[in-house]
Amino acid sequence: MATPRRRRQRGQAIVELSLAAPFLVMLALGASDMGRAYFYRLPVATAASAGARAGAVSSTADIGSVIRSQSSAMPNTAATWGNTYTGGTMAGCTNAALSSQACGDSGGCVSTSSFWTSPPSGQPNPVACFAVRSCTLDTSSGSAHNGQCTKPTGCAAATSGWSTSGTQARPSGGSALLSPPCLAALQVTVAYRFTAITPLIGNFFSGPGHALFITSTVTVVEQY
């Protein structure tokens, strides 16, 4: 038979466990959230690299299709990609000469872009986004060659704007023939809107809706 002292110790242990349990659960969920956020870094970077590579070697490759089909972590569906999904208003990215194409989000997939809150009719807000534009690289001897878009003397603007109605984000094949130190390049951005399950973790994210926007941008020289 347990002594009063042992009963008090057991009671104290139960009280301590009940007080600590919520913290332990939140800690476990928080660790899971951080692991999930880290997991999405790879498919986002892979999608951006694949899209840039496809666009660099072909003037008619569907950059959007290549990006969307890279990972099951970001399924190739309208619910995931919103208006940048096949059939969406910003999905097409096969030819710069087609005025109907916008080559992805006109806001560049930044966290403040209206893209995130403007899904196709009947669809939830998207969780993934891509955007494409052209940029100029400086190939002069004094260049840092860091892959960033620049505006060398005598060259066109460092970047075209992210696509808007009537303006093509994807450069045409002829832009690759610019004279040095101007060199045409393609810039592809992919972003994923990650929402934490744990409110405590979500409060550390400064994006709209306490979301973390995991983004990768790849710049590559055109080969065609």
Protein backbone atom coordinates (compact mmCIF):
# COMPACT_ATOMS: atom_id res chain seq x y z
CA MET A 1 0.00 0.00 0.00
CA ALA A 2 1.42 3.41 -1.03
CA THR A 3 2.37 5.74 1.76
CA PRO A 4 0.97 9.30 1.85
CA ARG A 5 4.38 10.58 0.84
CA ARG A 6 4.43 8.41 -2.30
CA ARG A 7 0.90 9.45 -3.18
CA ARG A 8 1.93 13.10 -2.89
CA GLN A 9 4.94 12.47 -5.17
CA ARG A 10 2.75 10.76 -7.77
CA GLY A 11 0.23 13.58 -7.61
CA GLN A 12 3.00 16.14 -8.03
CA ALA A 13 4.37 14.27 -11.05
CA ILE A 14 0.93 14.21 -12.70
CA VAL A 15 0.49 17.94 -12.14
CA GLU A 16 3.96 18.69 -13.54
CA LEU A 17 3.29 16.52 -16.57
CA SER A 18 -0.04 18.21 -17.25
CA LEU A 19 1.64 21.62 -17.08
CA ALA A 20 4.53 20.58 -19.33
CA ALA A 21 2.49 18.59 -21.88
CA PRO A 22 1.19 21.58 -23.90
CA PHE A 23 4.71 22.99 -24.16
CA LEU A 24 6.10 19.63 -25.26
CA VAL A 25 3.38 19.22 -27.89
CA MET A 26 4.00 22.73 -29.22
CA LEU A 27 7.74 22.03 -29.31
CA ALA A 28 7.20 18.81 -31.28
CA LEU A 29 4.83 20.48 -33.75
CA GLY A 30 7.20 23.43 -34.10
CA ALA A 31 10.10 21.10 -34.92
CA SER A 32 7.89 19.37 -37.49
CA ASP A 33 6.99 22.75 -39.06
CA MET A 34 10.61 23.78 -39.33
CA GLY A 35 11.45 20.44 -40.91
CA ARG A 36 8.65 20.85 -43.46
CA ALA A 37 9.79 24.37 -44.32
CA TYR A 38 13.36 23.16 -44.84
CA PHE A 39 12.06 20.30 -47.01
CA TYR A 40 10.48 22.71 -49.52
CA ARG A 41 13.76 24.50 -50.20
CA LEU A 42 14.92 21.68 -52.51
CA PRO A 43 11.86 21.32 -54.78
CA VAL A 44 11.58 25.12 -55.11
CA ALA A 45 15.24 25.43 -56.14
CA THR A 46 14.98 22.42 -58.46
CA ALA A 47 11.91 23.85 -60.22
CA ALA A 48 13.59 27.23 -60.77
CA SER A 49 16.74 25.61 -62.15
CA ALA A 50 14.80 23.31 -64.47
CA GLY A 51 12.67 26.16 -65.83
CA ALA A 52 15.69 28.37 -66.45
CA ARG A 53 17.57 25.55 -68.18
CA ALA A 54 14.61 24.73 -70.44
CA GLY A 55 14.13 28.36 -71.39
CA ALA A 56 17.81 28.95 -72.03
CA VAL A 57 18.23 26.18 -74.60
CA SER A 58 14.92 26.54 -76.45
CA SER A 59 12.89 29.50 -77.64
CA THR A 60 9.67 27.47 -77.59
CA ALA A 61 10.02 25.19 -74.53
CA ASP A 62 7.08 25.64 -72.15
CA ILE A 63 8.92 27.02 -69.12
CA GLY A 64 5.80 26.95 -66.96
CA SER A 65 5.06 23.29 -67.70
CA VAL A 66 8.66 22.30 -66.90
CA ILE A 67 8.54 24.17 -63.59
CA ARG A 68 5.19 22.78 -62.48
CA SER A 69 6.07 19.15 -63.23
CA GLN A 70 9.31 18.97 -61.25
CA SER A 71 8.11 17.75 -57.86
CA SER A 72 5.17 15.95 -56.27
CA ALA A 73 5.69 18.29 -53.31
CA MET A 74 4.13 20.98 -55.52
CA PRO A 75 1.55 19.07 -57.61
CA ASN A 76 0.85 20.26 -61.14
CA THR A 77 -2.70 21.40 -60.31
CA ALA A 78 -4.65 24.65 -60.37
CA ALA A 79 -5.10 24.42 -56.59
CA THR A 80 -1.31 24.57 -56.21
CA TRP A 81 -0.31 26.99 -58.98
CA GLY A 82 -3.39 29.17 -59.32
CA ASN A 83 -3.40 31.31 -62.47
CA THR A 84 0.04 30.07 -63.49
CA TYR A 85 -1.40 26.58 -64.00
CA THR A 86 -2.11 25.26 -67.52
CA GLY A 87 -5.14 27.09 -68.84
CA GLY A 88 -4.70 29.93 -66.39
CA THR A 89 -4.28 33.51 -67.47
CA MET A 90 -0.56 33.53 -66.65
CA ALA A 91 0.39 29.95 -67.45
CA GLY A 92 1.64 30.10 -71.02
CA CYS A 93 5.36 30.61 -71.56
CA THR A 94 6.32 29.02 -74.87
CA ASN A 95 6.96 31.94 -77.19
CA ALA A 96 7.72 35.61 -76.60
CA ALA A 97 5.94 36.51 -79.84
CA LEU A 98 2.56 35.40 -78.48
CA SER A 99 0.87 38.42 -76.94
CA SER A 100 -1.56 36.18 -75.07
CA GLN A 101 1.21 34.82 -72.87
CA ALA A 102 2.34 36.44 -69.65
CA CYS A 103 5.02 33.96 -68.51
CA GLY A 104 3.92 33.68 -64.92
CA ASP A 105 2.97 36.13 -62.21
CA SER A 106 3.19 39.77 -63.24
CA GLY A 107 4.19 40.66 -59.67
CA GLY A 108 7.30 38.47 -59.66
CA CYS A 109 5.92 36.08 -57.00
CA VAL A 110 6.82 38.46 -54.16
CA SER A 111 4.83 38.08 -50.95
CA THR A 112 2.86 41.27 -51.63
CA SER A 113 1.76 40.24 -55.13
CA SER A 114 -1.99 40.00 -55.66
CA PHE A 115 -1.31 36.60 -57.24
CA TRP A 116 -1.55 34.92 -53.85
CA THR A 117 -5.08 36.19 -53.27
CA SER A 118 -6.43 35.93 -56.83
CA PRO A 119 -7.05 32.24 -57.56
CA PRO A 120 -9.08 30.90 -60.50
CA SER A 121 -12.82 30.79 -59.89
CA GLY A 122 -13.73 28.08 -57.41
CA GLN A 123 -10.12 27.41 -56.38
CA PRO A 124 -8.42 28.08 -53.03
CA ASN A 125 -5.57 30.57 -52.81
CA PRO A 126 -2.48 29.07 -54.54
CA VAL A 127 0.61 27.93 -52.65
CA ALA A 128 3.17 28.00 -55.50
CA CYS A 129 4.12 30.61 -58.09
CA PHE A 130 6.53 31.14 -60.97
CA ALA A 131 7.63 34.25 -62.86
CA VAL A 132 9.92 34.75 -65.86
CA ARG A 133 11.73 37.80 -67.22
CA SER A 134 14.79 38.72 -69.24
CA CYS A 135 17.85 40.51 -67.94
CA THR A 136 21.19 41.80 -69.18
CA LEU A 137 24.51 40.43 -67.92
CA ASP A 138 27.71 42.46 -68.01
CA THR A 139 30.47 40.45 -69.72
CA SER A 140 33.10 43.19 -69.73
CA SER A 141 36.50 42.49 -68.19
CA GLY A 142 35.72 44.63 -65.15
CA SER A 143 32.47 42.81 -64.37
CA ALA A 144 32.06 40.90 -61.12
CA HIS A 145 30.39 38.09 -63.10
CA ASN A 146 28.09 37.35 -60.19
CA GLY A 147 25.09 36.37 -62.30
CA GLN A 148 23.13 39.46 -61.29
CA CYS A 149 21.30 41.56 -63.85
CA THR A 150 23.25 44.71 -64.70
CA LYS A 151 23.05 47.63 -67.13
CA PRO A 152 26.42 48.10 -68.83
CA THR A 153 26.98 51.30 -70.80
CA GLY A 154 25.25 51.08 -74.16
CA CYS A 155 23.13 48.09 -73.17
CA ALA A 156 19.40 47.79 -72.71
CA ALA A 157 17.80 48.01 -69.28
CA ALA A 158 19.11 45.54 -66.73
CA THR A 159 15.78 43.73 -66.58
CA SER A 160 12.49 43.78 -68.36
CA GLY A 161 9.60 44.20 -65.96
CA TRP A 162 7.81 41.12 -64.75
CA SER A 163 5.21 40.48 -67.42
CA THR A 164 2.16 42.68 -67.65
CA SER A 165 -0.64 42.83 -70.18
CA GLY A 166 0.90 43.44 -73.60
CA THR A 167 4.48 43.13 -72.36
CA GLN A 168 6.46 39.94 -72.78
CA ALA A 169 8.61 38.75 -69.90
CA ARG A 170 10.33 36.06 -71.92
CA PRO A 171 13.05 37.41 -74.24
CA SER A 172 13.01 36.49 -77.90
CA GLY A 173 15.81 34.43 -79.41
CA GLY A 174 17.26 37.46 -81.16
CA SER A 175 18.12 39.10 -77.86
CA ALA A 176 20.87 36.56 -77.40
CA LEU A 177 22.73 38.27 -80.27
CA LEU A 178 23.36 41.48 -78.34
CA SER A 179 26.93 42.70 -78.72
CA PRO A 180 29.34 42.39 -75.75
CA PRO A 181 29.42 43.52 -73.03
CA CYS A 182 25.65 43.01 -73.26
CA LEU A 183 24.51 39.40 -72.95
CA ALA A 184 20.88 38.35 -72.79
CA ALA A 185 19.87 36.09 -69.95
CA LEU A 186 16.71 34.51 -68.64
CA GLN A 187 15.66 34.92 -65.01
CA VAL A 188 13.22 32.47 -63.43
CA THR A 189 11.74 32.79 -59.95
CA VAL A 190 9.77 30.10 -58.13
CA ALA A 191 8.13 30.70 -54.76
CA TYR A 192 6.23 28.52 -52.30
CA ARG A 193 3.90 29.95 -49.64
CA PHE A 194 4.51 27.86 -46.53
CA THR A 195 2.01 28.06 -43.69
CA ALA A 196 2.98 26.64 -40.31
CA ILE A 197 0.63 24.34 -38.42
CA THR A 198 1.83 25.70 -35.09
CA PRO A 199 0.60 29.25 -34.38
CA LEU A 200 3.66 29.93 -32.23
CA ILE A 201 5.97 29.18 -35.17
CA GLY A 202 3.75 31.06 -37.60
CA ASN A 203 4.07 34.22 -35.54
CA PHE A 204 7.76 34.33 -36.45
CA PHE A 205 6.88 34.59 -40.18
CA SER A 206 6.43 38.17 -41.33
CA GLY A 207 4.70 37.40 -44.64
CA PRO A 208 0.99 38.04 -45.24
CA GLY A 209 -1.09 35.61 -43.23
CA HIS A 210 2.00 34.71 -41.17
CA ALA A 211 3.33 32.67 -44.09
CA LEU A 212 6.94 31.96 -45.02
CA PHE A 213 7.69 32.56 -48.70
CA ILE A 214 10.40 30.13 -49.80
CA THR A 215 11.90 31.57 -53.00
CA SER A 216 14.57 30.63 -55.52
CA THR A 217 15.73 32.78 -58.45
CA VAL A 218 17.99 31.42 -61.21
CA THR A 219 19.63 33.52 -63.94
CA VAL A 220 21.03 31.74 -67.00
CA VAL A 221 22.42 32.90 -70.35
CA GLU A 222 20.34 32.07 -73.41
CA GLN A 223 21.85 29.51 -75.75
CA TYR A 224 19.61 29.95 -78.80
